[in-house]
Protein backbone atom coordinates (compact mmCIF):
# COMPACT_ATOMS: atom_id res chain seq x y z
CA UNK A 1 -5.55 10.25 -1.90
CA UNK A 2 -2.47 8.71 -3.27
CA UNK A 3 -2.87 9.96 -6.96
CA UNK A 4 0.28 8.81 -8.65
CA UNK A 5 -1.73 5.92 -10.24
CA UNK A 6 -4.49 8.22 -11.44
CA UNK A 7 -2.20 10.78 -12.79
CA UNK A 8 -0.38 8.15 -14.70
CA UNK A 9 -3.45 7.46 -16.68
CA UNK A 10 -3.99 11.28 -17.53
CA UNK A 11 -0.32 11.56 -18.45
CA UNK A 12 0.28 8.40 -20.60
CA UNK A 13 -0.77 9.72 -23.82
CA UNK A 14 1.84 12.49 -23.32
CA UNK A 15 4.42 9.78 -22.81
CA UNK A 16 4.96 11.12 -19.31
CA UNK A 17 4.65 8.61 -16.59
CA UNK A 18 5.19 4.87 -15.58
CA UNK A 19 2.49 2.48 -16.12
CA UNK A 20 0.41 0.94 -13.48
CA UNK A 21 -2.06 -1.94 -13.36
CA UNK A 22 -1.44 -3.26 -16.90
CA UNK A 23 -2.74 -6.64 -17.75
CA UNK A 24 0.40 -7.52 -19.42
CA UNK A 25 3.93 -5.81 -19.69
CA UNK A 26 4.51 -4.12 -22.94
CA UNK A 27 7.81 -2.35 -23.74
CA UNK A 28 7.21 1.34 -24.36
CA UNK A 29 9.26 4.26 -24.91
CA UNK A 30 8.75 7.95 -24.71
CA UNK A 31 8.11 9.90 -28.08
CA UNK A 32 6.85 13.32 -27.01
CA UNK A 33 8.08 14.10 -23.42
CA UNK A 34 6.45 17.07 -21.71
CA UNK A 35 7.89 18.11 -18.22
CA UNK A 36 4.80 18.83 -15.98
CA UNK A 37 4.50 19.48 -12.45
CA UNK A 38 2.55 16.80 -10.39
CA UNK A 39 0.85 17.94 -7.12
CA UNK A 40 -0.98 15.85 -4.55
CA UNK A 41 -2.10 18.17 -1.86
CA UNK A 42 -5.00 17.76 0.51
CA UNK A 43 -5.33 20.05 3.68
CA UNK A 44 -7.81 18.99 6.27
CA UNK A 45 -9.37 20.12 9.39
CA UNK A 46 -7.28 17.67 11.44
CA UNK A 47 -4.70 19.36 13.66
CA UNK A 48 -1.57 17.59 12.41
CA UNK A 49 1.50 17.96 10.22
CA UNK A 50 -0.01 18.40 6.95
CA UNK A 51 1.48 16.83 3.85
CA UNK A 52 1.92 17.71 0.04
CA UNK A 53 3.58 15.78 -2.53
CA UNK A 54 5.22 17.40 -5.46
CA UNK A 55 7.06 15.70 -8.27
CA UNK A 56 7.46 15.90 -12.02
CA UNK A 57 6.26 13.69 -14.73
CA UNK A 58 9.05 11.26 -16.08
CA UNK A 59 9.86 9.28 -18.95
CA UNK A 60 8.32 5.84 -19.54
CA UNK A 61 11.79 4.41 -19.61
CA UNK A 62 12.51 5.63 -16.04
CA UNK A 63 11.57 4.01 -12.82
CA UNK A 64 11.06 6.79 -10.65
CA UNK A 65 9.65 10.30 -10.62
CA UNK A 66 11.72 13.37 -10.72
CA UNK A 67 12.07 15.13 -7.41
CA UNK A 68 12.53 18.81 -6.69
CA UNK A 69 13.72 18.69 -3.05
CA UNK A 70 14.57 22.58 -3.29
CA UNK A 71 11.21 23.65 -4.16
CA UNK A 72 9.55 26.26 -1.88
CA UNK A 73 6.16 25.25 -0.67
CA UNK A 74 3.68 27.38 1.31
CA UNK A 75 -0.09 27.43 2.14
CA UNK A 76 -1.28 30.87 2.68
CA UNK A 77 -4.27 32.31 4.44
CA UNK A 78 -5.21 35.84 5.04
CA UNK A 79 -3.48 35.78 8.42
CA UNK A 80 -0.83 33.15 8.30
CA UNK A 81 1.78 31.49 6.17
CA UNK A 82 2.54 27.83 6.64
CA UNK A 83 5.90 26.77 5.25
CA UNK A 84 6.72 23.14 4.32
CA UNK A 85 10.03 21.31 4.11
CA UNK A 86 10.97 18.25 2.03
CA UNK A 87 11.39 14.88 3.89
CA UNK A 88 12.14 12.80 0.85
CA UNK A 89 10.65 11.20 -2.33
CA UNK A 90 8.87 14.56 -3.14
CA UNK A 91 7.04 14.69 0.03
CA UNK A 92 6.89 17.93 1.95
CA UNK A 93 5.64 18.29 5.61
CA UNK A 94 4.42 21.36 7.23
CA UNK A 95 6.91 23.08 9.64
CA UNK A 96 4.22 23.30 12.29
CA UNK A 97 1.03 21.57 12.93
CA UNK A 98 -2.14 23.33 11.94
CA UNK A 99 -5.65 22.64 10.65
CA UNK A 100 -8.01 23.98 8.03
CA UNK A 101 -10.55 26.29 9.69
CA UNK A 102 -14.24 27.19 8.63
CA UNK A 103 -14.29 30.71 7.16
CA UNK A 104 -10.61 30.88 6.15
CA UNK A 105 -9.43 30.81 2.71
CA UNK A 106 -6.35 28.74 1.74
CA UNK A 107 -4.09 29.11 -1.20
CA UNK A 108 -1.05 26.75 -2.12
CA UNK A 109 2.13 28.55 -3.52
CA UNK A 110 4.88 26.59 -5.14
CA UNK A 111 8.25 27.94 -6.30
CA UNK A 112 10.38 25.30 -8.07
CA UNK A 113 14.16 25.10 -7.88
CA UNK A 114 14.36 26.76 -11.36
CA UNK A 115 12.31 29.80 -10.23
CA UNK A 116 8.99 28.84 -11.72
CA UNK A 117 5.95 30.04 -9.64
CA UNK A 118 2.70 28.19 -9.24
CA UNK A 119 -0.45 29.05 -7.21
CA UNK A 120 -3.71 27.50 -6.65
CA UNK A 121 -7.22 29.07 -6.73
CA UNK A 122 -8.36 29.95 -3.16
CA UNK A 123 -10.11 27.29 -1.59
CA UNK A 124 -12.32 27.00 1.57
CA UNK A 125 -12.91 24.24 4.00
CA UNK A 126 -15.83 22.03 3.11
CA UNK A 127 -18.81 21.28 5.28
CA UNK A 128 -18.32 18.62 7.99
CA UNK A 129 -20.11 15.19 7.85
CA UNK A 130 -19.34 12.22 10.04
CA UNK A 131 -19.43 8.54 9.51
CA UNK A 132 -22.23 7.12 11.36
CA UNK A 133 -21.51 3.34 10.59
CA UNK A 134 -18.79 1.40 9.09
CA UNK A 135 -19.83 -2.43 8.90
CA UNK A 136 -18.97 -5.60 6.93
CA UNK A 137 -21.31 -8.17 5.41
CA UNK A 138 -20.82 -11.68 3.86
CA UNK A 139 -22.03 -11.42 0.19
CA UNK A 140 -21.14 -12.62 -3.47
CA UNK A 141 -20.11 -10.53 -6.44
CA UNK A 142 -20.86 -12.54 -9.54
CA UNK A 143 -19.43 -15.93 -8.50
CA UNK A 144 -16.98 -14.73 -6.06
CA UNK A 145 -17.83 -15.00 -2.41
CA UNK A 146 -16.44 -12.64 0.10
CA UNK A 147 -16.88 -9.78 2.52
CA UNK A 148 -18.18 -6.37 1.61
CA UNK A 149 -17.44 -3.16 3.67
CA UNK A 150 -20.11 -0.47 3.72
CA UNK A 151 -20.23 2.91 5.03
CA UNK A 152 -23.21 5.10 6.28
CA UNK A 153 -22.93 8.90 6.84
CA UNK A 154 -24.84 10.43 9.74
CA UNK A 155 -28.13 12.20 9.24
CA UNK A 156 -26.89 15.83 9.54
CA UNK A 157 -24.59 16.44 6.59
CA UNK A 158 -24.56 20.27 7.14
CA UNK A 159 -24.83 20.84 3.51
CA UNK A 160 -22.21 18.35 2.47
CA UNK A 161 -22.81 17.02 -0.87
CA UNK A 162 -19.62 15.42 -2.29
CA UNK A 163 -17.72 12.73 -0.69
CA UNK A 164 -14.35 10.87 -1.37
CA UNK A 165 -13.15 7.84 0.66
CA UNK A 166 -9.79 6.31 1.34
CA UNK A 167 -9.01 3.19 3.31
CA UNK A 168 -6.13 1.54 5.19
CA UNK A 169 -6.05 -2.20 5.58
CA UNK A 170 -4.10 -3.88 8.30
CA UNK A 171 -4.09 -7.54 8.92
CA UNK A 172 -2.42 -9.83 11.41
CA UNK A 173 -0.18 -12.77 10.15
CA UNK A 174 0.69 -15.85 12.13
CA UNK A 175 3.23 -18.17 10.31
CA UNK A 176 1.64 -21.35 9.34
CA UNK A 177 4.64 -23.26 10.87
CA UNK A 178 5.97 -21.11 13.61
CA UNK A 179 7.88 -22.94 16.43
CA UNK A 180 9.35 -21.62 19.59
CA UNK A 181 12.70 -23.07 18.85
CA UNK A 182 14.93 -23.38 15.90
CA UNK A 183 17.70 -25.63 14.73
CA UNK A 184 21.02 -23.85 14.41
CA UNK A 185 24.09 -25.30 12.78
CA UNK A 186 27.45 -25.28 14.69
CA UNK A 187 30.96 -26.84 14.61
CA UNK A 188 31.07 -27.26 10.90
CA UNK A 189 34.15 -29.24 9.91
CA UNK A 190 35.51 -29.67 6.34
CA UNK A 191 37.16 -33.08 6.03
CA UNK A 192 38.12 -32.99 2.24
CA UNK A 193 36.97 -35.31 -0.40
CA UNK A 194 35.95 -38.78 0.44
CA UNK A 195 35.76 -41.36 -2.29
CA UNK A 196 32.38 -42.62 -1.21
CA UNK A 197 30.88 -39.09 -1.23
CA UNK A 198 29.40 -37.08 -4.09
CA UNK A 199 31.31 -33.80 -2.81
CA UNK A 200 33.17 -32.35 0.07
CA UNK A 201 32.52 -34.28 3.16
CA UNK A 202 31.37 -32.10 6.02
CA UNK A 203 30.40 -32.72 9.50
CA UNK A 204 28.41 -30.50 11.92
CA UNK A 205 26.38 -30.31 14.91
CA UNK A 206 22.74 -29.18 15.38
CA UNK A 207 21.82 -27.24 18.43
CA UNK A 208 18.32 -25.95 19.36
CA UNK A 209 17.76 -22.33 20.49
CA UNK A 210 14.89 -20.27 21.44
CA UNK A 211 13.32 -18.35 18.49
CA UNK A 212 12.82 -14.68 18.96
CA UNK A 213 9.06 -14.04 19.80
CA UNK A 214 8.77 -11.37 17.04
CA UNK A 215 8.81 -13.99 14.46
CA UNK A 216 5.49 -15.44 15.27
CA UNK A 217 3.37 -12.34 14.74
CA UNK A 218 3.42 -9.88 12.21
CA UNK A 219 1.18 -7.17 10.50
CA UNK A 220 0.67 -6.40 6.89
CA UNK A 221 -0.76 -3.24 5.40
CA UNK A 222 -2.19 -1.82 2.14
CA UNK A 223 -3.88 1.43 1.27
CA UNK A 224 -6.33 2.17 -1.27
CA UNK A 225 -5.17 2.89 -4.61
CA UNK A 226 -8.20 3.82 -6.57
CA UNK A 227 -10.55 6.82 -6.60
CA UNK A 228 -13.73 6.29 -4.59
CA UNK A 229 -16.20 8.96 -4.76
CA UNK A 230 -19.96 9.50 -4.30
CA UNK A 231 -22.68 12.30 -3.82
CA UNK A 232 -26.02 12.78 -2.44
CA UNK A 233 -27.34 14.68 -5.51
CA UNK A 234 -29.09 11.69 -7.11
CA UNK A 235 -30.14 10.12 -3.86
CA UNK A 236 -33.61 9.81 -2.55
CA UNK A 237 -32.48 10.73 0.88
CA UNK A 238 -29.91 13.33 2.04
CA UNK A 239 -27.33 10.84 3.42
CA UNK A 240 -25.09 7.97 2.29
CA UNK A 241 -26.23 4.48 3.16
CA UNK A 242 -24.63 1.21 2.33
CA UNK A 243 -22.00 2.73 0.22
CA UNK A 244 -19.43 -0.01 -0.81
CA UNK A 245 -15.87 0.82 0.13
CA UNK A 246 -14.01 -2.57 -0.18
CA UNK A 247 -14.76 -6.00 -1.20
CA UNK A 248 -12.48 -8.77 0.24
CA UNK A 249 -12.48 -12.16 -1.46
CA UNK A 250 -13.10 -15.10 0.93
CA UNK A 251 -9.73 -16.57 -0.43
CA UNK A 252 -7.84 -13.57 0.49
CA UNK A 253 -5.05 -14.32 2.91
CA UNK A 254 -5.44 -10.97 4.66
CA UNK A 255 -8.58 -12.59 6.36
CA UNK A 256 -6.59 -15.63 7.65
CA UNK A 257 -5.82 -14.36 11.26
CA UNK A 258 -7.50 -11.04 11.94
CA UNK A 259 -8.44 -8.10 9.81
CA UNK A 260 -9.02 -4.37 10.33
CA UNK A 261 -9.77 -1.56 8.02
CA UNK A 262 -9.77 2.10 8.55
CA UNK A 263 -11.98 4.16 6.31
CA UNK A 264 -11.47 8.07 5.91
CA UNK A 265 -14.25 10.19 4.48
CA UNK A 266 -13.42 13.28 2.97
CA UNK A 267 -16.00 16.15 2.27
CA UNK A 268 -15.00 18.02 -0.90
CA UNK A 269 -16.17 20.91 -3.00
CA UNK A 270 -18.10 20.47 -6.34
CA UNK A 271 -14.90 21.55 -8.22
CA UNK A 272 -12.81 18.82 -6.48
CA UNK A 273 -15.35 16.25 -7.04
CA UNK A 274 -15.55 17.04 -10.73
CA UNK A 275 -11.70 16.80 -11.08
CA UNK A 276 -11.75 13.27 -9.27
CA UNK A 277 -14.73 12.11 -11.34
CA UNK A 278 -13.06 12.94 -14.60
CA UNK A 279 -9.90 11.08 -13.43
CA UNK A 280 -11.96 8.02 -12.38
CA UNK A 281 -13.83 7.97 -15.75
CA UNK A 282 -10.65 8.20 -17.46
CA UNK A 283 -9.40 4.96 -15.81
CA UNK A 284 -8.30 5.72 -12.26
CA UNK A 285 -8.99 2.30 -11.17
CA UNK A 286 -7.56 -1.14 -11.21
CA UNK A 287 -8.40 -1.63 -14.82
CA UNK A 288 -5.73 -1.36 -17.57
CA UNK A 289 -4.96 1.98 -18.92
CA UNK A 290 -5.27 0.72 -22.26
CA UNK A 291 -9.01 1.63 -22.61
CA UNK A 292 -11.11 2.80 -25.60
CA UNK A 293 -11.51 6.38 -24.43
CA UNK A 294 -8.41 8.34 -25.02
CA UNK A 295 -7.60 10.69 -22.18
CA UNK A 296 -6.03 14.11 -22.50
CA UNK A 297 -4.83 16.69 -20.01
CA UNK A 298 -7.29 17.19 -17.01
CA UNK A 299 -7.05 20.72 -15.66
CA UNK A 300 -7.06 21.22 -11.93
CA UNK A 301 -6.81 24.29 -9.83
CA UNK A 302 -3.15 24.85 -9.75
CA UNK A 303 -1.76 27.19 -12.44
CA UNK A 304 1.61 28.76 -13.38
CA UNK A 305 1.98 32.50 -12.32
CA UNK A 306 4.33 33.16 -15.30
CA UNK A 307 3.22 31.02 -18.30
CA UNK A 308 -0.28 29.72 -18.73
CA UNK A 309 1.05 27.17 -21.21
CA UNK A 310 2.99 25.35 -18.18
CA UNK A 311 0.50 22.69 -17.24
CA UNK A 312 0.09 21.49 -13.75
CA UNK A 313 -1.21 17.85 -13.00
CA UNK A 314 -3.11 17.87 -9.59
CA UNK A 315 -5.45 19.58 -7.41
CA UNK A 316 -5.20 21.53 -3.99
CA UNK A 317 -8.08 20.33 -1.86
CA UNK A 318 -9.32 21.63 1.51
CA UNK A 319 -11.52 19.01 3.21
CA UNK A 320 -12.97 18.01 6.33
CA UNK A 321 -12.31 14.47 7.22
CA UNK A 322 -13.75 11.70 9.61
CA UNK A 323 -12.59 8.21 9.89
CA UNK A 324 -13.67 5.01 11.61
CA UNK A 325 -12.04 1.68 12.09
CA UNK A 326 -13.57 -1.87 12.37
CA UNK A 327 -12.08 -5.41 13.09
CA UNK A 328 -13.38 -8.74 12.11
CA UNK A 329 -12.24 -12.38 11.51
CA UNK A 330 -13.16 -14.91 8.75
CA UNK A 331 -15.15 -17.01 11.13
CA UNK A 332 -17.33 -14.12 12.16
CA UNK A 333 -19.00 -14.75 8.71
CA UNK A 334 -18.70 -18.46 8.63
CA UNK A 335 -16.14 -18.54 5.85
CA UNK A 336 -13.58 -21.42 5.69
CA UNK A 337 -9.92 -20.60 6.68
CA UNK A 338 -8.38 -18.60 3.83
CA UNK A 339 -5.00 -20.05 2.39
CA UNK A 340 -1.66 -19.07 3.73
CA UNK A 341 0.41 -16.30 1.70
CA UNK A 342 2.87 -18.80 0.53
CA UNK A 343 2.76 -22.51 -0.33
CA UNK A 344 4.45 -24.15 2.65
CA UNK A 345 5.60 -27.56 1.60
CA UNK A 346 7.50 -29.42 4.42
CA UNK A 347 10.72 -30.76 3.32
CA UNK A 348 12.15 -34.04 5.22
CA UNK A 349 15.90 -34.47 5.23
CA UNK A 350 17.88 -37.12 6.94
CA UNK A 351 20.87 -35.83 8.94
CA UNK A 352 22.71 -39.15 8.51
CA UNK A 353 21.80 -39.71 4.79
CA UNK A 354 25.17 -39.05 2.70
CA UNK A 355 25.21 -39.19 -1.02
CA UNK A 356 26.90 -41.92 -2.79
CA UNK A 357 28.56 -41.84 -6.19
CA UNK A 358 27.37 -45.32 -7.21
CA UNK A 359 24.27 -45.47 -7.31
CA UNK A 360 23.53 -41.73 -7.60
CA UNK A 361 21.92 -40.62 -4.25
CA UNK A 362 20.96 -37.26 -2.88
CA UNK A 363 23.23 -36.17 0.03
CA UNK A 364 20.42 -35.04 2.50
CA UNK A 365 22.84 -34.09 5.06
CA UNK A 366 24.45 -31.60 2.94
CA UNK A 367 21.22 -30.26 1.54
CA UNK A 368 20.01 -29.76 5.31
CA UNK A 369 23.31 -27.75 5.92
CA UNK A 370 22.67 -25.81 2.88
CA UNK A 371 19.03 -25.03 3.47
CA UNK A 372 19.55 -24.08 7.23
CA UNK A 373 22.64 -21.84 6.56
CA UNK A 374 23.46 -20.95 3.08
CA UNK A 375 19.95 -20.57 1.60
CA UNK A 376 18.86 -16.63 1.73
CA UNK A 377 16.95 -16.45 3.84
CA UNK A 378 17.46 -19.69 5.70
CA UNK A 379 14.81 -22.43 5.80
CA UNK A 380 13.16 -22.89 9.40
CA UNK A 381 13.03 -25.83 11.72
CA UNK A 382 9.53 -27.43 12.24
CA UNK A 383 10.29 -30.77 13.98
CA UNK A 384 12.27 -33.90 13.82
CA UNK A 385 11.80 -37.66 14.24
CA UNK A 386 15.19 -39.14 15.26
CA UNK A 387 17.58 -37.82 12.43
CA UNK A 388 15.00 -36.97 10.14
CA UNK A 389 14.40 -33.01 10.17
CA UNK A 390 11.22 -31.28 8.81
CA UNK A 391 11.95 -27.67 7.54
CA UNK A 392 10.00 -25.09 5.61
CA UNK A 393 10.70 -22.00 3.65
CA UNK A 394 11.52 -18.99 5.93
CA UNK A 395 8.41 -17.02 5.22
CA UNK A 396 6.36 -20.20 6.30
CA UNK A 397 7.87 -20.15 9.96
CA UNK A 398 8.98 -16.46 10.27
CA UNK A 399 6.58 -13.67 9.15
CA UNK A 400 9.23 -11.13 9.85
CA UNK A 401 10.92 -12.08 6.57
CA UNK A 402 8.10 -10.50 4.66
CA UNK A 403 5.97 -8.33 6.98
CA UNK A 404 6.63 -5.96 9.88
CA UNK A 405 6.75 -7.50 13.38
CA UNK A 406 5.94 -4.34 15.09
CA UNK A 407 2.48 -4.42 16.41
CA UNK A 408 0.45 -1.28 15.65
CA UNK A 409 -0.48 1.00 18.47
CA UNK A 410 -4.12 0.89 17.54
CA UNK A 411 -4.27 -2.95 17.13
CA UNK A 412 -6.90 -4.71 19.02
CA UNK A 413 -6.87 -8.64 19.18
């Protein structure tokens, strides 16, 4: 779980952190700053390089958290110690791959650069429960139509009660005006000022070249930034069914070409569930942090070994995790084609049309040169009829200007 957003809500009244998801920008300054350790740590039963993020609270006037790259980070069991190293931005990777095992007890140990020592309560791995179904249905929420993604657990929960979910969206992007070739300017010649021109008289040639294939298909991605939790204690059956994970509006551009969502299901302890539940109730969602209930400090399971007054924002969680991915297209649900990511207006410019001083007239030839070469990023060629060229903004013809053109290994068309 990316908890920076949630912790922001907890820290706000202390004047600690930057603000996310506000409905309007408000200039704020810090009055009573308190330097607290912020820990995001979930160890799972996946055999992998485990990840822990450690930062400090920071002033409202700042734009980045305080990083302690020299901190010593370890996860300890009765039989082993797993060391972590800093890889940047407060993220620490385990030196070796490992997984949390049933029956083992795990404890997080942190020593900051200034010698402060912190440790978590000993935690054990939660029960394992799988995802049986991940599916999407067309539906409306209020007056908004779209697609709702649901999850069902399997029938055998092995005593699992508390669940937390994360998701990763990936979507294909095909530019609205991608063409296989492009217009390239060459042989620009400056001829000085001409009395009939509105500016410097320039001549140039236009050549056509093959456009790189990696401009015609790209991929965008988003991760969940809210706390999604549930439990079976109040349910009539001992499983999760039709639990809503993500609603996607029918007008979302992410549905335009092809969409995929990966959902991760974490089984966690009752203590971890209580911590996340409090954060969620205090505003750990897309709503504004300026709510009527005024949050204070929420205690997790990480404490200072030297001074109980040193607060820690965060929780050390040891969870089992399962995941499932699905793909779909907008037409699978009889939806109309969603809009493109940008307004793609076609501009027509005449290569031969030079501006005149009297009467005032736009120099379309110079503007064509400017948009194809000097604009950053340059416009893209669409088509031409004789000497009239049609061009569009770069993002309308080259998706690599705003998204990754590297196809994910998992992607299925």
